[in-house]
Amino acid sequence: MVFVPLPIFSLGLKVQLEEWGFTPVEIAYSATQVIKSASDSPPSLLLMDGDAMKESDLMAIGQFLKQVQAEIPLIFFSKNPHKVLQGKQRTQWLDSYQWLPKPCHPEQLWQAVNRL
């Protein structure tokens, strides 16, 4: 599942993941969509743009993952990763995650996906 509130970026990620054989790839533009979709069918991977997300979205997704005790690997894209997830309360629900720079070369994404 791709949670990026920027349509061009999320569609680009969707196309790239599908070219690599990942299907289905679902796009969510809000934390509510992520939570509903993940409740129905937990994704095997969650990609999120940390720079474009509101803190309330990040916290809502984190609380959901903690409640369902889902171990969904996460990849965060960010220009400044330290700014996105500052503080222990924001990261306590992360079991497995990778940071990728923004912009990100496709090879970096491929490596990150395969490490998780």
PDB file of N, CA and C in Angstrom:
ATOM      1  N   MET A   1       0.844  -1.168   0.000  1.00  0.00           N
ATOM      2  CA  MET A   1       0.000   0.000   0.000  1.00  0.00           C
ATOM      3  C   MET A   1       0.894   1.237   0.000  1.00  0.00           C
ATOM      4  N   VAL A   2       0.531   2.202  -0.780  1.00  0.00           N
ATOM      5  CA  VAL A   2       1.265   3.454  -0.864  1.00  0.00           C
ATOM      6  C   VAL A   2       0.398   4.539  -0.240  1.00  0.00           C
ATOM      7  N   PHE A   3       0.891   5.181   0.815  1.00  0.00           N
ATOM      8  CA  PHE A   3       0.181   6.302   1.429  1.00  0.00           C
ATOM      9  C   PHE A   3       1.011   7.547   1.210  1.00  0.00           C
ATOM     10  N   VAL A   4       0.671   8.249   0.149  1.00  0.00           N
ATOM     11  CA  VAL A   4       1.364   9.478  -0.209  1.00  0.00           C
ATOM     12  C   VAL A   4       0.291  10.447  -0.672  1.00  0.00           C
ATOM     13  N   PRO A   5       0.089  11.542   0.043  1.00  0.00           N
ATOM     14  CA  PRO A   5      -0.976  12.458  -0.347  1.00  0.00           C
ATOM     15  C   PRO A   5      -0.649  13.304  -1.580  1.00  0.00           C
ATOM     16  N   LEU A   6       0.342  12.907  -2.343  1.00  0.00           N
ATOM     17  CA  LEU A   6       0.700  13.603  -3.577  1.00  0.00           C
ATOM     18  C   LEU A   6       0.483  12.648  -4.748  1.00  0.00           C
ATOM     19  N   PRO A   7      -0.567  12.854  -5.550  1.00  0.00           N
ATOM     20  CA  PRO A   7      -0.921  11.890  -6.592  1.00  0.00           C
ATOM     21  C   PRO A   7       0.210  11.529  -7.560  1.00  0.00           C
ATOM     22  N   ILE A   8       0.986  12.472  -8.022  1.00  0.00           N
ATOM     23  CA  ILE A   8       2.022  12.153  -9.003  1.00  0.00           C
ATOM     24  C   ILE A   8       3.074  11.235  -8.379  1.00  0.00           C
ATOM     25  N   PHE A   9       3.505  11.515  -7.175  1.00  0.00           N
ATOM     26  CA  PHE A   9       4.510  10.694  -6.495  1.00  0.00           C
ATOM     27  C   PHE A   9       3.956   9.292  -6.221  1.00  0.00           C
ATOM     28  N   SER A  10       2.716   9.218  -5.733  1.00  0.00           N
ATOM     29  CA  SER A  10       2.142   7.913  -5.400  1.00  0.00           C
ATOM     30  C   SER A  10       1.900   7.082  -6.657  1.00  0.00           C
ATOM     31  N   LEU A  11       1.473   7.695  -7.734  1.00  0.00           N
ATOM     32  CA  LEU A  11       1.267   6.944  -8.979  1.00  0.00           C
ATOM     33  C   LEU A  11       2.593   6.444  -9.535  1.00  0.00           C
ATOM     34  N   GLY A  12       3.641   7.245  -9.416  1.00  0.00           N
ATOM     35  CA  GLY A  12       4.964   6.805  -9.853  1.00  0.00           C
ATOM     36  C   GLY A  12       5.445   5.602  -9.058  1.00  0.00           C
ATOM     37  N   LEU A  13       5.238   5.622  -7.761  1.00  0.00           N
ATOM     38  CA  LEU A  13       5.606   4.476  -6.919  1.00  0.00           C
ATOM     39  C   LEU A  13       4.788   3.243  -7.284  1.00  0.00           C
ATOM     40  N   LYS A  14       3.507   3.443  -7.524  1.00  0.00           N
ATOM     41  CA  LYS A  14       2.626   2.325  -7.902  1.00  0.00           C
ATOM     42  C   LYS A  14       3.122   1.663  -9.190  1.00  0.00           C
ATOM     43  N   VAL A  15       3.417   2.464 -10.204  1.00  0.00           N
ATOM     44  CA  VAL A  15       3.893   1.927 -11.478  1.00  0.00           C
ATOM     45  C   VAL A  15       5.207   1.174 -11.280  1.00  0.00           C
ATOM     46  N   GLN A  16       6.128   1.758 -10.519  1.00  0.00           N
ATOM     47  CA  GLN A  16       7.422   1.113 -10.297  1.00  0.00           C
ATOM     48  C   GLN A  16       7.255  -0.218  -9.576  1.00  0.00           C
ATOM     49  N   LEU A  17       6.447  -0.257  -8.538  1.00  0.00           N
ATOM     50  CA  LEU A  17       6.230  -1.496  -7.788  1.00  0.00           C
ATOM     51  C   LEU A  17       5.557  -2.563  -8.652  1.00  0.00           C
ATOM     52  N   GLU A  18       4.609  -2.151  -9.470  1.00  0.00           N
ATOM     53  CA  GLU A  18       3.947  -3.105 -10.354  1.00  0.00           C
ATOM     54  C   GLU A  18       4.913  -3.653 -11.404  1.00  0.00           C
ATOM     55  N   GLU A  19       5.808  -2.805 -11.905  1.00  0.00           N
ATOM     56  CA  GLU A  19       6.814  -3.280 -12.858  1.00  0.00           C
ATOM     57  C   GLU A  19       7.711  -4.338 -12.221  1.00  0.00           C
ATOM     58  N   TRP A  20       7.920  -4.247 -10.916  1.00  0.00           N
ATOM     59  CA  TRP A  20       8.749  -5.217 -10.208  1.00  0.00           C
ATOM     60  C   TRP A  20       7.952  -6.462  -9.807  1.00  0.00           C
ATOM     61  N   GLY A  21       6.673  -6.478 -10.115  1.00  0.00           N
ATOM     62  CA  GLY A  21       5.871  -7.654  -9.834  1.00  0.00           C
ATOM     63  C   GLY A  21       5.044  -7.610  -8.565  1.00  0.00           C
ATOM     64  N   PHE A  22       5.028  -6.491  -7.874  1.00  0.00           N
ATOM     65  CA  PHE A  22       4.222  -6.371  -6.661  1.00  0.00           C
ATOM     66  C   PHE A  22       2.785  -6.039  -7.046  1.00  0.00           C
ATOM     67  N   THR A  23       1.875  -6.905  -6.686  1.00  0.00           N
ATOM     68  CA  THR A  23       0.469  -6.656  -6.966  1.00  0.00           C
ATOM     69  C   THR A  23      -0.372  -7.253  -5.849  1.00  0.00           C
ATOM     70  N   PRO A  24      -1.509  -6.717  -5.554  1.00  0.00           N
ATOM     71  CA  PRO A  24      -1.954  -5.415  -6.033  1.00  0.00           C
ATOM     72  C   PRO A  24      -1.261  -4.299  -5.258  1.00  0.00           C
ATOM     73  N   VAL A  25      -1.149  -3.153  -5.864  1.00  0.00           N
ATOM     74  CA  VAL A  25      -0.595  -1.978  -5.202  1.00  0.00           C
ATOM     75  C   VAL A  25      -1.744  -0.985  -5.038  1.00  0.00           C
ATOM     76  N   GLU A  26      -2.050  -0.681  -3.805  1.00  0.00           N
ATOM     77  CA  GLU A  26      -3.163   0.212  -3.503  1.00  0.00           C
ATOM     78  C   GLU A  26      -2.618   1.568  -3.072  1.00  0.00           C
ATOM     79  N   ILE A  27      -3.296   2.624  -3.487  1.00  0.00           N
ATOM     80  CA  ILE A  27      -2.905   3.983  -3.106  1.00  0.00           C
ATOM     81  C   ILE A  27      -3.944   4.528  -2.133  1.00  0.00           C
ATOM     82  N   ALA A  28      -3.472   5.120  -1.045  1.00  0.00           N
ATOM     83  CA  ALA A  28      -4.354   5.771  -0.075  1.00  0.00           C
ATOM     84  C   ALA A  28      -3.892   7.215   0.077  1.00  0.00           C
ATOM     85  N   TYR A  29      -4.846   8.126   0.096  1.00  0.00           N
ATOM     86  CA  TYR A  29      -4.515   9.545   0.216  1.00  0.00           C
ATOM     87  C   TYR A  29      -4.846  10.120   1.590  1.00  0.00           C
ATOM     88  N   SER A  30      -5.265   9.264   2.522  1.00  0.00           N
ATOM     89  CA  SER A  30      -5.538   9.738   3.884  1.00  0.00           C
ATOM     90  C   SER A  30      -5.283   8.604   4.867  1.00  0.00           C
ATOM     91  N   ALA A  31      -5.071   8.971   6.104  1.00  0.00           N
ATOM     92  CA  ALA A  31      -4.873   7.965   7.148  1.00  0.00           C
ATOM     93  C   ALA A  31      -6.121   7.105   7.291  1.00  0.00           C
ATOM     94  N   THR A  32      -7.288   7.691   7.121  1.00  0.00           N
ATOM     95  CA  THR A  32      -8.541   6.942   7.198  1.00  0.00           C
ATOM     96  C   THR A  32      -8.577   5.840   6.145  1.00  0.00           C
ATOM     97  N   GLN A  33      -8.144   6.152   4.926  1.00  0.00           N
ATOM     98  CA  GLN A  33      -8.104   5.142   3.865  1.00  0.00           C
ATOM     99  C   GLN A  33      -7.111   4.037   4.206  1.00  0.00           C
ATOM    100  N   VAL A  34      -5.947   4.412   4.736  1.00  0.00           N
ATOM    101  CA  VAL A  34      -4.936   3.418   5.113  1.00  0.00           C
ATOM    102  C   VAL A  34      -5.514   2.465   6.152  1.00  0.00           C
ATOM    103  N   ILE A  35      -6.118   3.016   7.181  1.00  0.00           N
ATOM    104  CA  ILE A  35      -6.652   2.212   8.280  1.00  0.00           C
ATOM    105  C   ILE A  35      -7.781   1.303   7.797  1.00  0.00           C
ATOM    106  N   LYS A  36      -8.690   1.832   6.997  1.00  0.00           N
ATOM    107  CA  LYS A  36      -9.799   1.007   6.482  1.00  0.00           C
ATOM    108  C   LYS A  36      -9.265  -0.127   5.617  1.00  0.00           C
ATOM    109  N   SER A  37      -8.387   0.208   4.709  1.00  0.00           N
ATOM    110  CA  SER A  37      -7.856  -0.805   3.801  1.00  0.00           C
ATOM    111  C   SER A  37      -7.036  -1.858   4.555  1.00  0.00           C
ATOM    112  N   ALA A  38      -6.201  -1.411   5.482  1.00  0.00           N
ATOM    113  CA  ALA A  38      -5.371  -2.339   6.261  1.00  0.00           C
ATOM    114  C   ALA A  38      -6.220  -3.195   7.189  1.00  0.00           C
ATOM    115  N   SER A  39      -7.374  -2.686   7.625  1.00  0.00           N
ATOM    116  CA  SER A  39      -8.287  -3.478   8.448  1.00  0.00           C
ATOM    117  C   SER A  39      -8.896  -4.600   7.624  1.00  0.00           C
ATOM    118  N   ASP A  40      -9.231  -4.289   6.386  1.00  0.00           N
ATOM    119  CA  ASP A  40      -9.839  -5.281   5.496  1.00  0.00           C
ATOM    120  C   ASP A  40      -8.829  -6.337   5.061  1.00  0.00           C
ATOM    121  N   SER A  41      -7.627  -5.884   4.732  1.00  0.00           N
ATOM    122  CA  SER A  41      -6.599  -6.789   4.227  1.00  0.00           C
ATOM    123  C   SER A  41      -5.229  -6.172   4.515  1.00  0.00           C
ATOM    124  N   PRO A  42      -4.537  -6.629   5.560  1.00  0.00           N
ATOM    125  CA  PRO A  42      -3.246  -6.027   5.918  1.00  0.00           C
ATOM    126  C   PRO A  42      -2.252  -6.099   4.755  1.00  0.00           C
ATOM    127  N   PRO A  43      -1.630  -4.962   4.442  1.00  0.00           N
ATOM    128  CA  PRO A  43      -0.657  -4.957   3.346  1.00  0.00           C
ATOM    129  C   PRO A  43       0.646  -5.627   3.768  1.00  0.00           C
ATOM    130  N   SER A  44       1.397  -6.086   2.801  1.00  0.00           N
ATOM    131  CA  SER A  44       2.695  -6.695   3.099  1.00  0.00           C
ATOM    132  C   SER A  44       3.780  -5.633   3.206  1.00  0.00           C
ATOM    133  N   LEU A  45       3.457  -4.408   2.812  1.00  0.00           N
ATOM    134  CA  LEU A  45       4.411  -3.294   2.858  1.00  0.00           C
ATOM    135  C   LEU A  45       3.629  -1.992   2.828  1.00  0.00           C
ATOM    136  N   LEU A  46       4.101  -1.003   3.569  1.00  0.00           N
ATOM    137  CA  LEU A  46       3.477   0.319   3.572  1.00  0.00           C
ATOM    138  C   LEU A  46       4.547   1.352   3.251  1.00  0.00           C
ATOM    139  N   LEU A  47       4.314   2.141   2.208  1.00  0.00           N
ATOM    140  CA  LEU A  47       5.214   3.234   1.829  1.00  0.00           C
ATOM    141  C   LEU A  47       4.535   4.545   2.197  1.00  0.00           C
ATOM    142  N   MET A  48       5.262   5.429   2.886  1.00  0.00           N
ATOM    143  CA  MET A  48       4.667   6.700   3.291  1.00  0.00           C
ATOM    144  C   MET A  48       5.645   7.839   3.056  1.00  0.00           C
ATOM    145  N   ASP A  49       5.109   8.979   2.627  1.00  0.00           N
ATOM    146  CA  ASP A  49       5.900  10.188   2.435  1.00  0.00           C
ATOM    147  C   ASP A  49       5.836  10.985   3.727  1.00  0.00           C
ATOM    148  N   GLY A  50       6.886  10.899   4.504  1.00  0.00           N
ATOM    149  CA  GLY A  50       6.909  11.565   5.799  1.00  0.00           C
ATOM    150  C   GLY A  50       6.822  13.070   5.724  1.00  0.00           C
ATOM    151  N   ASP A  51       7.304  13.664   4.642  1.00  0.00           N
ATOM    152  CA  ASP A  51       7.270  15.120   4.516  1.00  0.00           C
ATOM    153  C   ASP A  51       5.870  15.643   4.224  1.00  0.00           C
ATOM    154  N   ALA A  52       5.075  14.862   3.509  1.00  0.00           N
ATOM    155  CA  ALA A  52       3.752  15.319   3.097  1.00  0.00           C
ATOM    156  C   ALA A  52       2.660  14.950   4.099  1.00  0.00           C
ATOM    157  N   MET A  53       2.992  14.108   5.077  1.00  0.00           N
ATOM    158  CA  MET A  53       1.995  13.648   6.046  1.00  0.00           C
ATOM    159  C   MET A  53       1.801  14.648   7.179  1.00  0.00           C
ATOM    160  N   LYS A  54       0.560  14.753   7.609  1.00  0.00           N
ATOM    161  CA  LYS A  54       0.281  15.518   8.818  1.00  0.00           C
ATOM    162  C   LYS A  54       0.643  14.644  10.012  1.00  0.00           C
ATOM    163  N   GLU A  55       1.066  15.264  11.079  1.00  0.00           N
ATOM    164  CA  GLU A  55       1.416  14.503  12.280  1.00  0.00           C
ATOM    165  C   GLU A  55       0.231  13.680  12.769  1.00  0.00           C
ATOM    166  N   SER A  56      -0.971  14.221  12.657  1.00  0.00           N
ATOM    167  CA  SER A  56      -2.157  13.488  13.109  1.00  0.00           C
ATOM    168  C   SER A  56      -2.360  12.207  12.287  1.00  0.00           C
ATOM    169  N   ASP A  57      -2.036  12.253  10.983  1.00  0.00           N
ATOM    170  CA  ASP A  57      -2.140  11.040  10.158  1.00  0.00           C
ATOM    171  C   ASP A  57      -1.129   9.996  10.611  1.00  0.00           C
ATOM    172  N   LEU A  58       0.087  10.439  10.826  1.00  0.00           N
ATOM    173  CA  LEU A  58       1.140   9.525  11.272  1.00  0.00           C
ATOM    174  C   LEU A  58       0.759   8.866  12.588  1.00  0.00           C
ATOM    175  N   MET A  59       0.263   9.645  13.523  1.00  0.00           N
ATOM    176  CA  MET A  59      -0.109   9.113  14.826  1.00  0.00           C
ATOM    177  C   MET A  59      -1.320   8.176  14.721  1.00  0.00           C
ATOM    178  N   ALA A  60      -2.300   8.498  13.866  1.00  0.00           N
ATOM    179  CA  ALA A  60      -3.473   7.634  13.700  1.00  0.00           C
ATOM    180  C   ALA A  60      -3.068   6.274  13.133  1.00  0.00           C
ATOM    181  N   ILE A  61      -2.194   6.282  12.144  1.00  0.00           N
ATOM    182  CA  ILE A  61      -1.722   5.022  11.561  1.00  0.00           C
ATOM    183  C   ILE A  61      -0.919   4.242  12.603  1.00  0.00           C
ATOM    184  N   GLY A  62      -0.075   4.944  13.338  1.00  0.00           N
ATOM    185  CA  GLY A  62       0.715   4.291  14.381  1.00  0.00           C
ATOM    186  C   GLY A  62      -0.147   3.653  15.450  1.00  0.00           C
ATOM    187  N   GLN A  63      -1.162   4.366  15.896  1.00  0.00           N
ATOM    188  CA  GLN A  63      -2.069   3.815  16.915  1.00  0.00           C
ATOM    189  C   GLN A  63      -2.800   2.589  16.377  1.00  0.00           C
ATOM    190  N   PHE A  64      -3.231   2.660  15.126  1.00  0.00           N
ATOM    191  CA  PHE A  64      -3.913   1.516  14.518  1.00  0.00           C
ATOM    192  C   PHE A  64      -2.992   0.295  14.489  1.00  0.00           C
ATOM    193  N   LEU A  65      -1.761   0.483  14.017  1.00  0.00           N
ATOM    194  CA  LEU A  65      -0.822  -0.633  13.935  1.00  0.00           C
ATOM    195  C   LEU A  65      -0.537  -1.212  15.312  1.00  0.00           C
ATOM    196  N   LYS A  66      -0.460  -0.348  16.305  1.00  0.00           N
ATOM    197  CA  LYS A  66      -0.213  -0.815  17.677  1.00  0.00           C
ATOM    198  C   LYS A  66      -1.405  -1.609  18.198  1.00  0.00           C
ATOM    199  N   GLN A  67      -2.624  -1.142  17.926  1.00  0.00           N
ATOM    200  CA  GLN A  67      -3.834  -1.824  18.406  1.00  0.00           C
ATOM    201  C   GLN A  67      -3.986  -3.207  17.795  1.00  0.00           C
ATOM    202  N   VAL A  68      -3.732  -3.312  16.506  1.00  0.00           N
ATOM    203  CA  VAL A  68      -3.912  -4.606  15.841  1.00  0.00           C
ATOM    204  C   VAL A  68      -2.651  -5.451  15.911  1.00  0.00           C
ATOM    205  N   GLN A  69      -1.615  -4.882  16.491  1.00  0.00           N
ATOM    206  CA  GLN A  69      -0.319  -5.551  16.614  1.00  0.00           C
ATOM    207  C   GLN A  69       0.163  -6.083  15.264  1.00  0.00           C
ATOM    208  N   ALA A  70      -0.045  -5.260  14.251  1.00  0.00           N
ATOM    209  CA  ALA A  70       0.374  -5.630  12.900  1.00  0.00           C
ATOM    210  C   ALA A  70       1.857  -5.350  12.728  1.00  0.00           C
ATOM    211  N   GLU A  71       2.544  -6.294  12.149  1.00  0.00           N
ATOM    212  CA  GLU A  71       3.964  -6.112  11.853  1.00  0.00           C
ATOM    213  C   GLU A  71       4.103  -5.850  10.366  1.00  0.00           C
ATOM    214  N   ILE A  72       3.681  -4.666   9.966  1.00  0.00           N
ATOM    215  CA  ILE A  72       3.725  -4.270   8.565  1.00  0.00           C
ATOM    216  C   ILE A  72       5.000  -3.476   8.341  1.00  0.00           C
ATOM    217  N   PRO A  73       5.874  -3.947   7.469  1.00  0.00           N
ATOM    218  CA  PRO A  73       7.099  -3.184   7.196  1.00  0.00           C
ATOM    219  C   PRO A  73       6.766  -1.829   6.575  1.00  0.00           C
ATOM    220  N   LEU A  74       7.525  -0.824   6.987  1.00  0.00           N
ATOM    221  CA  LEU A  74       7.295   0.533   6.509  1.00  0.00           C
ATOM    222  C   LEU A  74       8.531   1.080   5.815  1.00  0.00           C
ATOM    223  N   ILE A  75       8.292   1.849   4.773  1.00  0.00           N
ATOM    224  CA  ILE A  75       9.351   2.631   4.146  1.00  0.00           C
ATOM    225  C   ILE A  75       8.876   4.075   4.153  1.00  0.00           C
ATOM    226  N   PHE A  76       9.672   4.930   4.790  1.00  0.00           N
ATOM    227  CA  PHE A  76       9.380   6.359   4.835  1.00  0.00           C
ATOM    228  C   PHE A  76      10.284   7.082   3.851  1.00  0.00           C
ATOM    229  N   PHE A  77       9.681   7.953   3.064  1.00  0.00           N
ATOM    230  CA  PHE A  77      10.446   8.850   2.206  1.00  0.00           C
ATOM    231  C   PHE A  77      10.480  10.201   2.899  1.00  0.00           C
ATOM    232  N   SER A  78      11.642  10.825   2.932  1.00  0.00           N
ATOM    233  CA  SER A  78      11.734  12.126   3.584  1.00  0.00           C
ATOM    234  C   SER A  78      12.999  12.854   3.180  1.00  0.00           C
ATOM    235  N   LYS A  79      12.876  14.172   3.062  1.00  0.00           N
ATOM    236  CA  LYS A  79      14.060  15.014   2.858  1.00  0.00           C
ATOM    237  C   LYS A  79      14.806  15.162   4.177  1.00  0.00           C
ATOM    238  N   ASN A  80      14.061  15.128   5.279  1.00  0.00           N
ATOM    239  CA  ASN A  80      14.635  15.317   6.602  1.00  0.00           C
ATOM    240  C   ASN A  80      14.019  14.300   7.569  1.00  0.00           C
ATOM    241  N   PRO A  81      14.531  13.061   7.587  1.00  0.00           N
ATOM    242  CA  PRO A  81      13.900  12.015   8.396  1.00  0.00           C
ATOM    243  C   PRO A  81      13.869  12.308   9.884  1.00  0.00           C
ATOM    244  N   HIS A  82      14.831  13.031  10.400  1.00  0.00           N
ATOM    245  CA  HIS A  82      14.850  13.311  11.842  1.00  0.00           C
ATOM    246  C   HIS A  82      13.707  14.221  12.252  1.00  0.00           C
ATOM    247  N   LYS A  83      13.243  15.053  11.342  1.00  0.00           N
ATOM    248  CA  LYS A  83      12.135  15.949  11.644  1.00  0.00           C
ATOM    249  C   LYS A  83      10.804  15.197  11.659  1.00  0.00           C
ATOM    250  N   VAL A  84      10.675  14.186  10.799  1.00  0.00           N
ATOM    251  CA  VAL A  84       9.403  13.475  10.666  1.00  0.00           C
ATOM    252  C   VAL A  84       9.076  12.657  11.904  1.00  0.00           C
ATOM    253  N   LEU A  85      10.015  11.866  12.374  1.00  0.00           N
ATOM    254  CA  LEU A  85       9.747  10.994  13.521  1.00  0.00           C
ATOM    255  C   LEU A  85      10.645  11.351  14.692  1.00  0.00           C
ATOM    256  N   GLN A  86      10.371  12.483  15.288  1.00  0.00           N
ATOM    257  CA  GLN A  86      11.120  12.882  16.468  1.00  0.00           C
ATOM    258  C   GLN A  86      10.399  12.362  17.706  1.00  0.00           C
ATOM    259  N   GLY A  87      11.142  11.861  18.612  1.00  0.00           N
ATOM    260  CA  GLY A  87      10.547  11.464  19.881  1.00  0.00           C
ATOM    261  C   GLY A  87      10.145  10.007  19.920  1.00  0.00           C
ATOM    262  N   LYS A  88      10.288   9.445  21.077  1.00  0.00           N
ATOM    263  CA  LYS A  88      10.009   8.028  21.285  1.00  0.00           C
ATOM    264  C   LYS A  88       8.546   7.685  21.033  1.00  0.00           C
ATOM    265  N   GLN A  89       7.616   8.569  21.410  1.00  0.00           N
ATOM    266  CA  GLN A  89       6.198   8.253  21.260  1.00  0.00           C
ATOM    267  C   GLN A  89       5.818   8.073  19.801  1.00  0.00           C
ATOM    268  N   ARG A  90       6.536   8.660  18.886  1.00  0.00           N
ATOM    269  CA  ARG A  90       6.204   8.511  17.472  1.00  0.00           C
ATOM    270  C   ARG A  90       6.768   7.233  16.878  1.00  0.00           C
ATOM    271  N   THR A  91       7.807   6.705  17.451  1.00  0.00           N
ATOM    272  CA  THR A  91       8.456   5.552  16.845  1.00  0.00           C
ATOM    273  C   THR A  91       8.222   4.242  17.591  1.00  0.00           C
ATOM    274  N   GLN A  92       7.538   4.265  18.709  1.00  0.00           N
ATOM    275  CA  GLN A  92       7.378   3.048  19.507  1.00  0.00           C
ATOM    276  C   GLN A  92       6.582   1.968  18.781  1.00  0.00           C
ATOM    277  N   TRP A  93       5.784   2.327  17.804  1.00  0.00           N
ATOM    278  CA  TRP A  93       4.987   1.338  17.089  1.00  0.00           C
ATOM    279  C   TRP A  93       5.677   0.812  15.839  1.00  0.00           C
ATOM    280  N   LEU A  94       6.866   1.284  15.571  1.00  0.00           N
ATOM    281  CA  LEU A  94       7.587   0.844  14.376  1.00  0.00           C
ATOM    282  C   LEU A  94       8.433  -0.380  14.691  1.00  0.00           C
ATOM    283  N   ASP A  95       8.055  -1.512  14.122  1.00  0.00           N
ATOM    284  CA  ASP A  95       8.845  -2.722  14.296  1.00  0.00           C
ATOM    285  C   ASP A  95       9.937  -2.823  13.241  1.00  0.00           C
ATOM    286  N   SER A  96       9.589  -2.458  12.041  1.00  0.00           N
ATOM    287  CA  SER A  96      10.508  -2.628  10.935  1.00  0.00           C
ATOM    288  C   SER A  96      10.296  -1.478   9.954  1.00  0.00           C
ATOM    289  N   TYR A  97      11.307  -0.653   9.779  1.00  0.00           N
ATOM    290  CA  TYR A  97      11.150   0.441   8.827  1.00  0.00           C
ATOM    291  C   TYR A  97      12.485   0.823   8.217  1.00  0.00           C
ATOM    292  N   GLN A  98      12.393   1.467   7.079  1.00  0.00           N
ATOM    293  CA  GLN A  98      13.553   1.974   6.350  1.00  0.00           C
ATOM    294  C   GLN A  98      13.295   3.438   6.031  1.00  0.00           C
ATOM    295  N   TRP A  99      14.352   4.219   6.016  1.00  0.00           N
ATOM    296  CA  TRP A  99      14.279   5.602   5.557  1.00  0.00           C
ATOM    297  C   TRP A  99      14.868   5.664   4.165  1.00  0.00           C
ATOM    298  N   LEU A 100      14.215   6.377   3.286  1.00  0.00           N
ATOM    299  CA  LEU A 100      14.772   6.634   1.966  1.00  0.00           C
ATOM    300  C   LEU A 100      14.743   8.128   1.718  1.00  0.00           C
ATOM    301  N   PRO A 101      15.784   8.645   1.059  1.00  0.00           N
ATOM    302  CA  PRO A 101      15.811  10.072   0.786  1.00  0.00           C
ATOM    303  C   PRO A 101      14.787  10.444  -0.279  1.00  0.00           C
ATOM    304  N   LYS A 102      14.433  11.683  -0.275  1.00  0.00           N
ATOM    305  CA  LYS A 102      13.560  12.232  -1.301  1.00  0.00           C
ATOM    306  C   LYS A 102      14.339  13.306  -2.029  1.00  0.00           C
ATOM    307  N   PRO A 103      14.519  13.209  -3.332  1.00  0.00           N
ATOM    308  CA  PRO A 103      14.065  12.136  -4.218  1.00  0.00           C
ATOM    309  C   PRO A 103      14.874  10.859  -4.004  1.00  0.00           C
ATOM    310  N   CYS A 104      14.308   9.768  -4.468  1.00  0.00           N
ATOM    311  CA  CYS A 104      14.901   8.450  -4.273  1.00  0.00           C
ATOM    312  C   CYS A 104      15.107   7.781  -5.623  1.00  0.00           C
ATOM    313  N   HIS A 105      16.276   7.218  -5.820  1.00  0.00           N
ATOM    314  CA  HIS A 105      16.554   6.475  -7.041  1.00  0.00           C
ATOM    315  C   HIS A 105      15.831   5.124  -6.958  1.00  0.00           C
ATOM    316  N   PRO A 106      15.267   4.625  -8.066  1.00  0.00           N
ATOM    317  CA  PRO A 106      14.567   3.335  -8.026  1.00  0.00           C
ATOM    318  C   PRO A 106      15.399   2.194  -7.437  1.00  0.00           C
ATOM    319  N   GLU A 107      16.705   2.203  -7.674  1.00  0.00           N
ATOM    320  CA  GLU A 107      17.556   1.137  -7.122  1.00  0.00           C
ATOM    321  C   GLU A 107      17.551   1.169  -5.588  1.00  0.00           C
ATOM    322  N   GLN A 108      17.507   2.363  -4.998  1.00  0.00           N
ATOM    323  CA  GLN A 108      17.438   2.472  -3.535  1.00  0.00           C
ATOM    324  C   GLN A 108      16.127   1.881  -3.013  1.00  0.00           C
ATOM    325  N   LEU A 109      15.041   2.163  -3.716  1.00  0.00           N
ATOM    326  CA  LEU A 109      13.743   1.614  -3.320  1.00  0.00           C
ATOM    327  C   LEU A 109      13.764   0.096  -3.429  1.00  0.00           C
ATOM    328  N   TRP A 110      14.296  -0.422  -4.523  1.00  0.00           N
ATOM    329  CA  TRP A 110      14.380  -1.869  -4.724  1.00  0.00           C
ATOM    330  C   TRP A 110      15.146  -2.532  -3.582  1.00  0.00           C
ATOM    331  N   GLN A 111      16.288  -1.957  -3.213  1.00  0.00           N
ATOM    332  CA  GLN A 111      17.079  -2.508  -2.116  1.00  0.00           C
ATOM    333  C   GLN A 111      16.338  -2.466  -0.795  1.00  0.00           C
ATOM    334  N   ALA A 112      15.651  -1.348  -0.522  1.00  0.00           N
ATOM    335  CA  ALA A 112      14.906  -1.204   0.735  1.00  0.00           C
ATOM    336  C   ALA A 112      13.757  -2.217   0.817  1.00  0.00           C
ATOM    337  N   VAL A 113      13.043  -2.386  -0.269  1.00  0.00           N
ATOM    338  CA  VAL A 113      11.926  -3.340  -0.300  1.00  0.00           C
ATOM    339  C   VAL A 113      12.439  -4.756  -0.030  1.00  0.00           C
ATOM    340  N   ASN A 114      13.553  -5.075  -0.592  1.00  0.00           N
ATOM    341  CA  ASN A 114      14.089  -6.417  -0.433  1.00  0.00           C
ATOM    342  C   ASN A 114      14.739  -6.667   0.926  1.00  0.00           C
ATOM    343  N   ARG A 115      15.071  -5.605   1.658  1.00  0.00           N
ATOM    344  CA  ARG A 115      15.635  -5.762   3.014  1.00  0.00           C
ATOM    345  C   ARG A 115      14.569  -6.011   4.051  1.00  0.00           C
ATOM    346  N   LEU A 116      13.364  -5.568   3.791  1.00  0.00           N
ATOM    347  CA  LEU A 116      12.295  -5.697   4.797  1.00  0.00           C
ATOM    348  C   LEU A 116      11.616  -7.036   4.744  1.00  0.00           C
TER     349      LEU A 116
END
